[in-house]
Amino acid sequence: MMRNSPFPGMDPYLERNPQWQSFHGWFIRKLAEQALPNARDAGLWIDVERSVYQREPTGQLVLVGEPDVFAGPELSVSSWTESSGGGTAVALAEPQAVHEVVLDPELSETYKQDYLVVREADRFRRVLAVVELLSFANKVGSYAPTYREKRMRFLTSYTHFMEIDLLRAGENPSRTLFPELAPTPYFIFVARKHGMGRHEEGFPLRLQDPLPVIGLPVGPGRPDLPLDLAAAFASAYDLSVHLGSINYGEAPVPAPALGEFDQQWVQSICSAVTKAS
């Protein structure tokens, strides 16, 4: 079994579900694990948090919170009326129409978005920085506008923000901010806050580029937390890629289609893997 990706940087064969979902979770956690020692030395703490969105029958996506928060005992009609207490009887208006809505868990859509949060390790636990690894839901489909609203809240706050895009599919919300940079399949964006203003930093990545070490700003008077994306990638790959889940010799690269140069380069990598196996 191959324990390491044959590619020097991002592996395009990971860009399909459910492979990406597993990789996404491990990558964020490995970033948090590697950064925690430096964070502790700076009086900080790192959490991996999760936003959970549920699609209502109306089609609207609503934030329902953490799984262990909203998953509780069922509140039946009888338990509500029994617990509502006594008091003077009041004549209540009767509804003229009643619609019962039952959510089918097999049909409902739930989006779970893990992200890294750096906080001060005091009793106030103020959020200093957030790191997002984009998923398919962030970039395409009906969840994308909801993510962009969340992203804008980060950008208009005092919180430093890093957005890592290792998916070629979909529209990158940060890429258009840097028209002077040549187009690349992957991109990293850092918003370094200065009061309510910010410096925006762009890190374009080609398929051929190794994943870099990016500094995560955590506020004045503290050095950036170095995030080694290559090390996190290697660990996440090892933990999420199972025997037979990627066939480099036969499987095509997930959509979208590569350009001619990149396609030939990927084929050379895959040919070397096939010969070595």
C-alpha atoms as a PDB file:
ATOM      1  CA  MET A   1       0.000   0.000   0.000  1.00  0.00           C
ATOM      2  CA  MET A   2       1.288   3.459  -0.884  1.00  0.00           C
ATOM      3  CA  ARG A   3       1.742   5.446   2.323  1.00  0.00           C
ATOM      4  CA  ASN A   4       2.693   8.704   0.613  1.00  0.00           C
ATOM      5  CA  SER A   5       1.269  10.602  -2.310  1.00  0.00           C
ATOM      6  CA  PRO A   6       3.438  10.407  -5.443  1.00  0.00           C
ATOM      7  CA  PHE A   7       2.893  14.112  -6.069  1.00  0.00           C
ATOM      8  CA  PRO A   8       5.262  16.757  -4.644  1.00  0.00           C
ATOM      9  CA  GLY A   9       2.418  19.017  -3.502  1.00  0.00           C
ATOM     10  CA  MET A  10      -1.352  18.674  -3.729  1.00  0.00           C
ATOM     11  CA  ASP A  11      -2.615  15.331  -5.028  1.00  0.00           C
ATOM     12  CA  PRO A  12      -5.398  15.945  -7.597  1.00  0.00           C
ATOM     13  CA  TYR A  13      -6.741  12.417  -7.048  1.00  0.00           C
ATOM     14  CA  LEU A  14      -7.992  13.496  -3.622  1.00  0.00           C
ATOM     15  CA  GLU A  15     -10.390  15.975  -5.237  1.00  0.00           C
ATOM     16  CA  ARG A  16     -13.469  13.768  -5.128  1.00  0.00           C
ATOM     17  CA  ASN A  17     -15.970  12.786  -2.445  1.00  0.00           C
ATOM     18  CA  PRO A  18     -16.007  10.890  -0.137  1.00  0.00           C
ATOM     19  CA  GLN A  19     -12.181  10.893  -0.334  1.00  0.00           C
ATOM     20  CA  TRP A  20     -12.061  14.662   0.149  1.00  0.00           C
ATOM     21  CA  GLN A  21     -14.354  14.677   3.199  1.00  0.00           C
ATOM     22  CA  SER A  22     -12.068  12.304   5.087  1.00  0.00           C
ATOM     23  CA  PHE A  23      -8.917  14.142   4.009  1.00  0.00           C
ATOM     24  CA  HIS A  24     -10.457  17.516   4.932  1.00  0.00           C
ATOM     25  CA  GLY A  25     -11.114  16.478   8.529  1.00  0.00           C
ATOM     26  CA  TRP A  26      -7.669  14.991   9.087  1.00  0.00           C
ATOM     27  CA  PHE A  27      -5.866  17.920   7.425  1.00  0.00           C
ATOM     28  CA  ILE A  28      -7.454  20.510   9.706  1.00  0.00           C
ATOM     29  CA  ARG A  29      -6.739  18.423  12.800  1.00  0.00           C
ATOM     30  CA  LYS A  30      -3.123  17.827  11.818  1.00  0.00           C
ATOM     31  CA  LEU A  31      -2.620  21.565  11.270  1.00  0.00           C
ATOM     32  CA  ALA A  32      -3.984  22.189  14.765  1.00  0.00           C
ATOM     33  CA  GLU A  33      -1.821  19.452  16.285  1.00  0.00           C
ATOM     34  CA  GLN A  34       1.433  20.753  14.792  1.00  0.00           C
ATOM     35  CA  ALA A  35       0.706  24.394  15.704  1.00  0.00           C
ATOM     36  CA  LEU A  36      -0.369  23.735  19.294  1.00  0.00           C
ATOM     37  CA  PRO A  37       3.128  23.701  20.919  1.00  0.00           C
ATOM     38  CA  ASN A  38       4.005  27.135  19.485  1.00  0.00           C
ATOM     39  CA  ALA A  39       0.546  28.412  20.380  1.00  0.00           C
ATOM     40  CA  ARG A  40       0.963  27.311  24.008  1.00  0.00           C
ATOM     41  CA  ASP A  41       4.335  29.067  24.217  1.00  0.00           C
ATOM     42  CA  ALA A  42       2.587  32.268  23.097  1.00  0.00           C
ATOM     43  CA  GLY A  43      -0.212  31.925  25.655  1.00  0.00           C
ATOM     44  CA  LEU A  44      -2.712  30.755  23.040  1.00  0.00           C
ATOM     45  CA  TRP A  45      -4.933  27.747  22.471  1.00  0.00           C
ATOM     46  CA  ILE A  46      -6.103  26.029  19.290  1.00  0.00           C
ATOM     47  CA  ASP A  47      -9.496  24.429  18.720  1.00  0.00           C
ATOM     48  CA  VAL A  48     -11.036  22.612  15.773  1.00  0.00           C
ATOM     49  CA  GLU A  49     -14.625  23.779  15.576  1.00  0.00           C
ATOM     50  CA  ARG A  50     -17.512  22.761  13.366  1.00  0.00           C
ATOM     51  CA  SER A  51     -20.370  24.643  11.774  1.00  0.00           C
ATOM     52  CA  VAL A  52     -23.355  22.448  10.960  1.00  0.00           C
ATOM     53  CA  TYR A  53     -25.957  23.659   8.468  1.00  0.00           C
ATOM     54  CA  GLN A  54     -29.256  21.910   7.730  1.00  0.00           C
ATOM     55  CA  ARG A  55     -31.474  22.462   4.705  1.00  0.00           C
ATOM     56  CA  GLU A  56     -35.046  23.301   5.671  1.00  0.00           C
ATOM     57  CA  PRO A  57     -38.052  22.144   3.590  1.00  0.00           C
ATOM     58  CA  THR A  58     -38.219  25.715   2.276  1.00  0.00           C
ATOM     59  CA  GLY A  59     -34.785  25.205   0.698  1.00  0.00           C
ATOM     60  CA  GLN A  60     -33.085  27.627   3.112  1.00  0.00           C
ATOM     61  CA  LEU A  61     -29.847  26.620   4.826  1.00  0.00           C
ATOM     62  CA  VAL A  62     -29.918  27.347   8.560  1.00  0.00           C
ATOM     63  CA  LEU A  63     -27.150  27.089  11.147  1.00  0.00           C
ATOM     64  CA  VAL A  64     -28.050  24.412  13.675  1.00  0.00           C
ATOM     65  CA  GLY A  65     -24.793  24.434  15.662  1.00  0.00           C
ATOM     66  CA  GLU A  66     -22.668  21.651  17.035  1.00  0.00           C
ATOM     67  CA  PRO A  67     -23.992  18.077  16.791  1.00  0.00           C
ATOM     68  CA  ASP A  68     -23.955  17.545  20.565  1.00  0.00           C
ATOM     69  CA  VAL A  69     -25.857  20.795  21.064  1.00  0.00           C
ATOM     70  CA  PHE A  70     -28.817  20.285  18.803  1.00  0.00           C
ATOM     71  CA  ALA A  71     -29.113  16.493  19.160  1.00  0.00           C
ATOM     72  CA  GLY A  72     -31.162  16.194  22.342  1.00  0.00           C
ATOM     73  CA  PRO A  73     -34.227  14.448  23.738  1.00  0.00           C
ATOM     74  CA  GLU A  74     -37.368  14.789  21.689  1.00  0.00           C
ATOM     75  CA  LEU A  75     -39.871  17.255  23.107  1.00  0.00           C
ATOM     76  CA  SER A  76     -43.329  15.824  22.508  1.00  0.00           C
ATOM     77  CA  VAL A  77     -46.583  17.758  22.615  1.00  0.00           C
ATOM     78  CA  SER A  78     -47.649  15.965  25.802  1.00  0.00           C
ATOM     79  CA  SER A  79     -44.387  16.736  27.630  1.00  0.00           C
ATOM     80  CA  TRP A  80     -44.684  20.429  26.678  1.00  0.00           C
ATOM     81  CA  THR A  81     -48.259  20.750  27.947  1.00  0.00           C
ATOM     82  CA  GLU A  82     -47.432  18.856  31.122  1.00  0.00           C
ATOM     83  CA  SER A  83     -44.406  21.025  31.901  1.00  0.00           C
ATOM     84  CA  SER A  84     -46.015  24.351  31.068  1.00  0.00           C
ATOM     85  CA  GLY A  85     -47.273  24.739  34.618  1.00  0.00           C
ATOM     86  CA  GLY A  86     -50.514  25.969  36.117  1.00  0.00           C
ATOM     87  CA  GLY A  87     -51.833  29.491  36.481  1.00  0.00           C
ATOM     88  CA  THR A  88     -55.039  31.148  35.445  1.00  0.00           C
ATOM     89  CA  ALA A  89     -56.680  29.532  32.428  1.00  0.00           C
ATOM     90  CA  VAL A  90     -56.603  31.806  29.410  1.00  0.00           C
ATOM     91  CA  ALA A  91     -58.627  31.310  26.267  1.00  0.00           C
ATOM     92  CA  LEU A  92     -56.104  30.797  23.445  1.00  0.00           C
ATOM     93  CA  ALA A  93     -56.801  31.554  19.822  1.00  0.00           C
ATOM     94  CA  GLU A  94     -57.185  28.502  17.613  1.00  0.00           C
ATOM     95  CA  PRO A  95     -55.058  28.388  14.450  1.00  0.00           C
ATOM     96  CA  GLN A  96     -56.991  28.426  11.222  1.00  0.00           C
ATOM     97  CA  ALA A  97     -54.460  26.144   9.517  1.00  0.00           C
ATOM     98  CA  VAL A  98     -51.879  23.659  10.810  1.00  0.00           C
ATOM     99  CA  HIS A  99     -49.076  22.196   8.676  1.00  0.00           C
ATOM    100  CA  GLU A 100     -47.011  19.320  10.003  1.00  0.00           C
ATOM    101  CA  VAL A 101     -43.391  19.245   8.822  1.00  0.00           C
ATOM    102  CA  VAL A 102     -41.420  16.027   9.248  1.00  0.00           C
ATOM    103  CA  LEU A 103     -37.768  16.049   8.198  1.00  0.00           C
ATOM    104  CA  ASP A 104     -36.662  12.870   6.473  1.00  0.00           C
ATOM    105  CA  PRO A 105     -33.032  12.219   7.512  1.00  0.00           C
ATOM    106  CA  GLU A 106     -32.499  10.249   4.316  1.00  0.00           C
ATOM    107  CA  LEU A 107     -33.477  13.228   2.161  1.00  0.00           C
ATOM    108  CA  SER A 108     -32.195  16.134   4.235  1.00  0.00           C
ATOM    109  CA  GLU A 109     -28.867  17.762   3.424  1.00  0.00           C
ATOM    110  CA  THR A 110     -26.406  18.542   6.191  1.00  0.00           C
ATOM    111  CA  TYR A 111     -23.154  20.448   5.681  1.00  0.00           C
ATOM    112  CA  LYS A 112     -20.426  20.060   8.301  1.00  0.00           C
ATOM    113  CA  GLN A 113     -17.536  22.481   8.037  1.00  0.00           C
ATOM    114  CA  ASP A 114     -14.482  21.962  10.270  1.00  0.00           C
ATOM    115  CA  TYR A 115     -12.129  24.905  10.748  1.00  0.00           C
ATOM    116  CA  LEU A 116      -9.203  25.865  12.973  1.00  0.00           C
ATOM    117  CA  VAL A 117      -9.582  28.577  15.608  1.00  0.00           C
ATOM    118  CA  VAL A 118      -6.776  30.263  17.576  1.00  0.00           C
ATOM    119  CA  ARG A 119      -7.837  31.814  20.884  1.00  0.00           C
ATOM    120  CA  GLU A 120      -6.185  33.568  23.771  1.00  0.00           C
ATOM    121  CA  ALA A 121      -5.765  31.067  26.591  1.00  0.00           C
ATOM    122  CA  ASP A 122      -7.211  33.339  29.285  1.00  0.00           C
ATOM    123  CA  ARG A 123     -10.699  33.444  30.722  1.00  0.00           C
ATOM    124  CA  PHE A 124     -11.954  35.655  27.889  1.00  0.00           C
ATOM    125  CA  ARG A 125     -10.795  33.213  25.131  1.00  0.00           C
ATOM    126  CA  ARG A 126     -10.880  35.918  22.486  1.00  0.00           C
ATOM    127  CA  VAL A 127     -10.640  34.582  18.911  1.00  0.00           C
ATOM    128  CA  LEU A 128      -7.464  35.807  17.208  1.00  0.00           C
ATOM    129  CA  ALA A 129      -7.351  33.807  13.970  1.00  0.00           C
ATOM    130  CA  VAL A 130      -9.386  31.361  11.899  1.00  0.00           C
ATOM    131  CA  VAL A 131      -8.189  28.904   9.235  1.00  0.00           C
ATOM    132  CA  GLU A 132     -10.603  27.463   6.660  1.00  0.00           C
ATOM    133  CA  LEU A 133      -9.821  24.622   4.261  1.00  0.00           C
ATOM    134  CA  LEU A 134     -12.311  24.999   1.424  1.00  0.00           C
ATOM    135  CA  SER A 135     -14.589  22.087   0.566  1.00  0.00           C
ATOM    136  CA  PHE A 136     -16.800  21.470  -2.454  1.00  0.00           C
ATOM    137  CA  ALA A 137     -19.753  22.946  -0.554  1.00  0.00           C
ATOM    138  CA  ASN A 138     -17.788  26.177   0.041  1.00  0.00           C
ATOM    139  CA  LYS A 139     -17.160  26.661  -3.674  1.00  0.00           C
ATOM    140  CA  VAL A 140     -20.109  25.205  -5.591  1.00  0.00           C
ATOM    141  CA  GLY A 141     -23.795  24.604  -5.013  1.00  0.00           C
ATOM    142  CA  SER A 142     -26.329  26.245  -2.751  1.00  0.00           C
ATOM    143  CA  TYR A 143     -24.099  26.323   0.362  1.00  0.00           C
ATOM    144  CA  ALA A 144     -21.497  28.577  -1.299  1.00  0.00           C
ATOM    145  CA  PRO A 145     -23.399  31.859  -0.630  1.00  0.00           C
ATOM    146  CA  THR A 146     -23.835  30.844   3.025  1.00  0.00           C
ATOM    147  CA  TYR A 147     -20.096  30.231   3.380  1.00  0.00           C
ATOM    148  CA  ARG A 148     -19.327  33.584   1.779  1.00  0.00           C
ATOM    149  CA  GLU A 149     -21.488  35.341   4.341  1.00  0.00           C
ATOM    150  CA  LYS A 150     -19.547  33.587   7.107  1.00  0.00           C
ATOM    151  CA  ARG A 151     -16.267  34.486   5.406  1.00  0.00           C
ATOM    152  CA  MET A 152     -17.279  38.150   5.190  1.00  0.00           C
ATOM    153  CA  ARG A 153     -18.007  38.187   8.928  1.00  0.00           C
ATOM    154  CA  PHE A 154     -14.421  37.090   9.540  1.00  0.00           C
ATOM    155  CA  LEU A 155     -13.020  39.683   7.137  1.00  0.00           C
ATOM    156  CA  THR A 156     -14.961  42.559   8.698  1.00  0.00           C
ATOM    157  CA  SER A 157     -14.022  41.565  12.254  1.00  0.00           C
ATOM    158  CA  TYR A 158     -10.713  41.967  14.098  1.00  0.00           C
ATOM    159  CA  THR A 159      -9.896  38.299  13.470  1.00  0.00           C
ATOM    160  CA  HIS A 160      -7.009  37.242  11.242  1.00  0.00           C
ATOM    161  CA  PHE A 161      -8.136  34.840   8.538  1.00  0.00           C
ATOM    162  CA  MET A 162      -6.496  32.164   6.374  1.00  0.00           C
ATOM    163  CA  GLU A 163      -8.288  30.372   3.549  1.00  0.00           C
ATOM    164  CA  ILE A 164      -6.657  27.298   1.972  1.00  0.00           C
ATOM    165  CA  ASP A 165      -8.025  26.218  -1.400  1.00  0.00           C
ATOM    166  CA  LEU A 166      -6.745  22.837  -2.614  1.00  0.00           C
ATOM    167  CA  LEU A 167      -9.682  22.151  -4.943  1.00  0.00           C
ATOM    168  CA  ARG A 168      -9.642  23.000  -8.644  1.00  0.00           C
ATOM    169  CA  ALA A 169     -13.433  22.793  -9.010  1.00  0.00           C
ATOM    170  CA  GLY A 170     -15.640  25.783  -8.269  1.00  0.00           C
ATOM    171  CA  GLU A 171     -15.023  29.481  -7.863  1.00  0.00           C
ATOM    172  CA  ASN A 172     -12.455  30.700  -5.384  1.00  0.00           C
ATOM    173  CA  PRO A 173     -13.787  33.740  -3.461  1.00  0.00           C
ATOM    174  CA  SER A 174     -10.272  35.104  -2.841  1.00  0.00           C
ATOM    175  CA  ARG A 175      -8.596  34.461  -6.181  1.00  0.00           C
ATOM    176  CA  THR A 176     -10.216  37.444  -7.925  1.00  0.00           C
ATOM    177  CA  LEU A 177      -8.625  39.779  -5.368  1.00  0.00           C
ATOM    178  CA  PHE A 178      -5.230  39.226  -7.036  1.00  0.00           C
ATOM    179  CA  PRO A 179      -5.627  39.858 -10.788  1.00  0.00           C
ATOM    180  CA  GLU A 180      -1.889  40.539 -11.053  1.00  0.00           C
ATOM    181  CA  LEU A 181      -1.077  36.882 -10.260  1.00  0.00           C
ATOM    182  CA  ALA A 182      -1.050  34.185 -12.922  1.00  0.00           C
ATOM    183  CA  PRO A 183      -3.921  31.693 -12.612  1.00  0.00           C
ATOM    184  CA  THR A 184      -3.106  28.518 -10.693  1.00  0.00           C
ATOM    185  CA  PRO A 185      -5.258  25.541  -9.671  1.00  0.00           C
ATOM    186  CA  TYR A 186      -4.692  26.079  -5.936  1.00  0.00           C
ATOM    187  CA  PHE A 187      -4.504  29.203  -3.815  1.00  0.00           C
ATOM    188  CA  ILE A 188      -3.923  30.331  -0.231  1.00  0.00           C
ATOM    189  CA  PHE A 189      -5.278  33.615   1.083  1.00  0.00           C
ATOM    190  CA  VAL A 190      -4.299  35.383   4.312  1.00  0.00           C
ATOM    191  CA  ALA A 191      -6.064  38.448   5.710  1.00  0.00           C
ATOM    192  CA  ARG A 192      -3.675  40.074   8.170  1.00  0.00           C
ATOM    193  CA  LYS A 193      -5.766  42.483  10.247  1.00  0.00           C
ATOM    194  CA  HIS A 194      -4.678  45.941  11.398  1.00  0.00           C
ATOM    195  CA  GLY A 195      -7.552  47.265  13.453  1.00  0.00           C
ATOM    196  CA  MET A 196     -10.533  47.131  11.109  1.00  0.00           C
ATOM    197  CA  GLY A 197      -8.216  47.278   8.081  1.00  0.00           C
ATOM    198  CA  ARG A 198      -6.195  44.398   6.669  1.00  0.00           C
ATOM    199  CA  HIS A 199      -3.351  43.370   4.418  1.00  0.00           C
ATOM    200  CA  GLU A 200      -4.398  40.710   1.930  1.00  0.00           C
ATOM    201  CA  GLU A 201      -1.731  38.143   1.004  1.00  0.00           C
ATOM    202  CA  GLY A 202      -1.997  35.720  -1.929  1.00  0.00           C
ATOM    203  CA  PHE A 203      -0.048  32.476  -2.349  1.00  0.00           C
ATOM    204  CA  PRO A 204      -0.710  30.826  -5.746  1.00  0.00           C
ATOM    205  CA  LEU A 205       0.173  27.132  -6.085  1.00  0.00           C
ATOM    206  CA  ARG A 206       0.708  25.055  -9.210  1.00  0.00           C
ATOM    207  CA  LEU A 207       0.284  21.296  -9.326  1.00  0.00           C
ATOM    208  CA  GLN A 208       4.062  20.991  -9.463  1.00  0.00           C
ATOM    209  CA  ASP A 209       4.698  23.145  -6.369  1.00  0.00           C
ATOM    210  CA  PRO A 210       5.393  21.647  -2.937  1.00  0.00           C
ATOM    211  CA  LEU A 211       2.995  22.816  -0.252  1.00  0.00           C
ATOM    212  CA  PRO A 212       4.572  25.712   1.677  1.00  0.00           C
ATOM    213  CA  VAL A 213       4.867  26.760   5.303  1.00  0.00           C
ATOM    214  CA  ILE A 214       2.515  29.726   5.784  1.00  0.00           C
ATOM    215  CA  GLY A 215       2.634  32.145   8.713  1.00  0.00           C
ATOM    216  CA  LEU A 216      -0.698  32.549  10.516  1.00  0.00           C
ATOM    217  CA  PRO A 217      -0.905  36.004  12.139  1.00  0.00           C
ATOM    218  CA  VAL A 218      -2.107  35.976  15.754  1.00  0.00           C
ATOM    219  CA  GLY A 219      -1.877  39.617  16.733  1.00  0.00           C
ATOM    220  CA  PRO A 220       0.690  42.323  17.550  1.00  0.00           C
ATOM    221  CA  GLY A 221       3.597  41.355  19.763  1.00  0.00           C
ATOM    222  CA  ARG A 222       3.409  37.684  18.792  1.00  0.00           C
ATOM    223  CA  PRO A 223       5.226  35.913  15.946  1.00  0.00           C
ATOM    224  CA  ASP A 224       3.182  34.191  13.283  1.00  0.00           C
ATOM    225  CA  LEU A 225       2.291  30.567  13.925  1.00  0.00           C
ATOM    226  CA  PRO A 226       4.020  28.550  11.170  1.00  0.00           C
ATOM    227  CA  LEU A 227       1.595  26.147   9.494  1.00  0.00           C
ATOM    228  CA  ASP A 228       3.462  23.428   7.604  1.00  0.00           C
ATOM    229  CA  LEU A 229       0.928  22.457   4.955  1.00  0.00           C
ATOM    230  CA  ALA A 230       3.153  19.734   3.510  1.00  0.00           C
ATOM    231  CA  ALA A 231       3.519  17.974   6.865  1.00  0.00           C
ATOM    232  CA  ALA A 232      -0.222  18.198   7.539  1.00  0.00           C
ATOM    233  CA  PHE A 233      -0.918  16.911   4.035  1.00  0.00           C
ATOM    234  CA  ALA A 234       1.371  13.895   4.469  1.00  0.00           C
ATOM    235  CA  SER A 235      -0.268  12.899   7.760  1.00  0.00           C
ATOM    236  CA  ALA A 236      -3.791  13.466   6.451  1.00  0.00           C
ATOM    237  CA  TYR A 237      -3.044  11.442   3.311  1.00  0.00           C
ATOM    238  CA  ASP A 238      -1.736   8.533   5.371  1.00  0.00           C
ATOM    239  CA  LEU A 239      -4.843   8.593   7.586  1.00  0.00           C
ATOM    240  CA  SER A 240      -7.481   9.058   4.880  1.00  0.00           C
ATOM    241  CA  VAL A 241      -6.273   7.090   1.854  1.00  0.00           C
ATOM    242  CA  HIS A 242      -7.072   3.405   2.232  1.00  0.00           C
ATOM    243  CA  LEU A 243      -5.883   0.421   0.237  1.00  0.00           C
ATOM    244  CA  GLY A 244      -7.365   0.522  -3.235  1.00  0.00           C
ATOM    245  CA  SER A 245      -9.132   3.868  -2.795  1.00  0.00           C
ATOM    246  CA  ILE A 246      -6.904   5.557  -5.400  1.00  0.00           C
ATOM    247  CA  ASN A 247      -5.691   3.760  -8.515  1.00  0.00           C
ATOM    248  CA  TYR A 248      -3.058   6.020 -10.034  1.00  0.00           C
ATOM    249  CA  GLY A 249      -2.436   3.664 -12.909  1.00  0.00           C
ATOM    250  CA  GLU A 250      -5.991   3.526 -14.272  1.00  0.00           C
ATOM    251  CA  ALA A 251      -8.310   6.108 -12.702  1.00  0.00           C
ATOM    252  CA  PRO A 252      -8.706   9.481 -14.453  1.00  0.00           C
ATOM    253  CA  VAL A 253      -7.992  12.709 -12.633  1.00  0.00           C
ATOM    254  CA  PRO A 254     -11.224  14.061 -11.082  1.00  0.00           C
ATOM    255  CA  ALA A 255     -12.917  16.949 -12.893  1.00  0.00           C
ATOM    256  CA  PRO A 256     -12.342  19.644 -13.943  1.00  0.00           C
ATOM    257  CA  ALA A 257     -10.093  18.676 -16.834  1.00  0.00           C
ATOM    258  CA  LEU A 258      -6.437  19.601 -16.614  1.00  0.00           C
ATOM    259  CA  GLY A 259      -4.636  21.723 -19.151  1.00  0.00           C
ATOM    260  CA  GLU A 260      -2.400  19.930 -21.618  1.00  0.00           C
ATOM    261  CA  PHE A 261       0.853  20.641 -19.767  1.00  0.00           C
ATOM    262  CA  ASP A 262      -0.534  19.603 -16.370  1.00  0.00           C
ATOM    263  CA  GLN A 263      -2.209  16.520 -17.859  1.00  0.00           C
ATOM    264  CA  GLN A 264       1.066  15.316 -19.365  1.00  0.00           C
ATOM    265  CA  TRP A 265       2.876  15.968 -16.103  1.00  0.00           C
ATOM    266  CA  VAL A 266       0.281  14.015 -14.088  1.00  0.00           C
ATOM    267  CA  GLN A 267       0.482  11.133 -16.561  1.00  0.00           C
ATOM    268  CA  SER A 268       4.258  10.981 -16.097  1.00  0.00           C
ATOM    269  CA  ILE A 269       3.798  10.749 -12.320  1.00  0.00           C
ATOM    270  CA  CYS A 270       1.180   8.008 -12.656  1.00  0.00           C
ATOM    271  CA  SER A 271       3.335   6.055 -15.147  1.00  0.00           C
ATOM    272  CA  ALA A 272       6.200   6.082 -12.664  1.00  0.00           C
ATOM    273  CA  VAL A 273       3.847   4.781  -9.938  1.00  0.00           C
ATOM    274  CA  THR A 274       2.622   1.970 -12.199  1.00  0.00           C
ATOM    275  CA  LYS A 275       6.153   0.890 -13.100  1.00  0.00           C
ATOM    276  CA  ALA A 276       7.212   0.907  -9.458  1.00  0.00           C
ATOM    277  CA  SER A 277       4.281  -1.251  -8.304  1.00  0.00           C
END
